[in-house]
Amino acid sequence: MISPVHTHTHKLYNKVKNKKRSHATKPIDWFYLYSRTVSNIRGTGLWRNGLCPFHPDRNNSFGFHLRDGGYKCFAGCGSGSGLQFIQRIYSIPYHLAVRLANGEDVYIG
């Protein structure tokens, strides 16, 4: 049997965990977020291609997914989630990337 203290702590942890998760899972307009830094966006369907913002690019070597926000540079710059893209492009921590993705104003100094 779990003691009441542990049960309360466990419930509190779940509330905090679920609250954090809910912030990261709001519908995000990935096209808008990527179009702020990716140029020459082309494509139809869920994947779009554009010029990679991480290196000088003449051909569309960068792709991103409109539904889940994932990205990949086919020239070798890397890949990851949409939040990882925001972290990398703006050099900010995860919690600020979540706020930015949710449409909040974030000071990036």
Protein backbone atom coordinates (compact mmCIF):
# COMPACT_ATOMS: atom_id res chain seq x y z
CA MET A 1 0.00 0.00 0.00
CA ILE A 2 1.24 3.50 -0.86
CA SER A 3 1.28 6.00 1.96
CA PRO A 4 -0.95 9.11 1.64
CA VAL A 5 2.11 11.35 1.31
CA HIS A 6 3.37 9.45 -1.71
CA THR A 7 -0.10 9.34 -3.26
CA HIS A 8 -0.48 13.10 -2.86
CA THR A 9 2.98 13.71 -4.29
CA HIS A 10 2.23 11.38 -7.17
CA LYS A 11 -1.03 13.20 -7.96
CA LEU A 12 0.72 16.55 -7.77
CA TYR A 13 3.46 15.30 -10.10
CA ASN A 14 0.85 14.09 -12.60
CA LYS A 15 -0.89 17.48 -12.55
CA VAL A 16 2.39 19.28 -13.24
CA LYS A 17 3.41 16.74 -15.88
CA ASN A 18 0.03 16.96 -17.63
CA LYS A 19 0.06 20.75 -17.47
CA LYS A 20 3.48 20.86 -19.15
CA ARG A 21 2.37 18.35 -21.75
CA SER A 22 -0.77 20.33 -22.56
CA HIS A 23 1.31 23.44 -23.31
CA ALA A 24 3.44 21.54 -25.78
CA THR A 25 0.53 19.86 -27.56
CA LYS A 26 -1.64 22.84 -28.49
CA PRO A 27 -2.25 23.08 -32.24
CA ILE A 28 0.74 24.91 -33.68
CA ASP A 29 0.89 26.65 -37.04
CA TRP A 30 4.17 25.11 -38.18
CA PHE A 31 3.95 26.70 -41.62
CA TYR A 32 3.90 30.16 -40.05
CA LEU A 33 6.78 29.38 -37.69
CA TYR A 34 8.99 27.89 -40.39
CA SER A 35 8.16 30.61 -42.94
CA ARG A 36 9.74 33.17 -40.59
CA THR A 37 13.20 31.66 -41.23
CA VAL A 38 12.88 29.33 -44.25
CA SER A 39 12.62 30.89 -47.70
CA ASN A 40 11.54 29.53 -51.10
CA ILE A 41 8.96 27.19 -49.52
CA ARG A 42 7.50 24.75 -52.02
CA GLY A 43 5.48 21.56 -51.99
CA THR A 44 2.05 20.12 -51.42
CA GLY A 45 0.74 17.69 -48.86
CA LEU A 46 2.13 17.51 -45.34
CA TRP A 47 5.83 17.99 -46.24
CA ARG A 48 7.19 21.31 -47.48
CA ASN A 49 10.68 22.08 -48.76
CA GLY A 50 12.72 25.24 -48.66
CA LEU A 51 16.20 26.70 -48.40
CA CYS A 52 17.96 25.54 -45.25
CA PRO A 53 18.37 28.33 -42.70
CA PHE A 54 21.41 26.63 -41.15
CA HIS A 55 23.75 26.83 -44.16
CA PRO A 56 24.11 28.75 -47.45
CA ASP A 57 21.73 26.95 -49.77
CA ARG A 58 20.91 27.29 -53.48
CA ASN A 59 18.65 24.25 -53.71
CA ASN A 60 15.76 23.35 -51.45
CA SER A 61 17.51 20.88 -49.17
CA PHE A 62 15.38 21.52 -46.07
CA GLY A 63 12.05 19.83 -45.37
CA PHE A 64 9.47 20.25 -42.62
CA HIS A 65 6.23 18.52 -41.70
CA LEU A 66 3.11 20.65 -41.33
CA ARG A 67 1.31 18.45 -38.81
CA ASP A 68 4.01 17.47 -36.30
CA GLY A 69 6.63 20.15 -37.04
CA GLY A 70 9.53 17.78 -37.60
CA TYR A 71 12.35 18.95 -39.87
CA LYS A 72 15.28 17.52 -41.80
CA CYS A 73 18.12 19.07 -43.77
CA PHE A 74 19.05 16.68 -46.56
CA ALA A 75 22.46 18.35 -46.91
CA GLY A 76 23.44 17.12 -43.45
CA CYS A 77 22.67 19.97 -41.05
CA GLY A 78 20.48 17.73 -38.94
CA SER A 79 16.91 16.87 -38.11
CA GLY A 80 14.56 16.99 -35.16
CA SER A 81 11.21 18.12 -33.83
CA GLY A 82 9.66 21.50 -34.45
CA LEU A 83 10.49 22.62 -30.92
CA GLN A 84 14.10 21.55 -31.43
CA PHE A 85 14.14 23.65 -34.61
CA ILE A 86 12.93 26.70 -32.69
CA GLN A 87 15.52 26.08 -29.98
CA ARG A 88 18.30 25.77 -32.53
CA ILE A 89 17.38 28.64 -34.85
CA TYR A 90 16.86 31.14 -32.01
CA SER A 91 19.38 29.63 -29.53
CA ILE A 92 16.79 29.48 -26.75
CA PRO A 93 15.90 26.88 -24.10
CA TYR A 94 12.99 24.47 -24.42
CA HIS A 95 10.54 26.39 -22.21
CA LEU A 96 10.92 29.52 -24.36
CA ALA A 97 10.53 27.47 -27.55
CA VAL A 98 7.21 26.13 -26.23
CA ARG A 99 6.01 29.66 -25.46
CA LEU A 100 7.07 30.91 -28.88
CA ALA A 101 5.37 27.99 -30.62
CA ASN A 102 2.16 28.77 -28.72
CA GLY A 103 2.17 32.31 -30.08
CA GLU A 104 3.44 34.11 -27.01
CA ASP A 105 5.83 37.03 -27.29
CA VAL A 106 9.29 35.92 -26.18
CA TYR A 107 12.27 38.23 -25.72
CA ILE A 108 15.30 36.78 -27.47
CA GLY A 109 18.37 38.81 -26.60
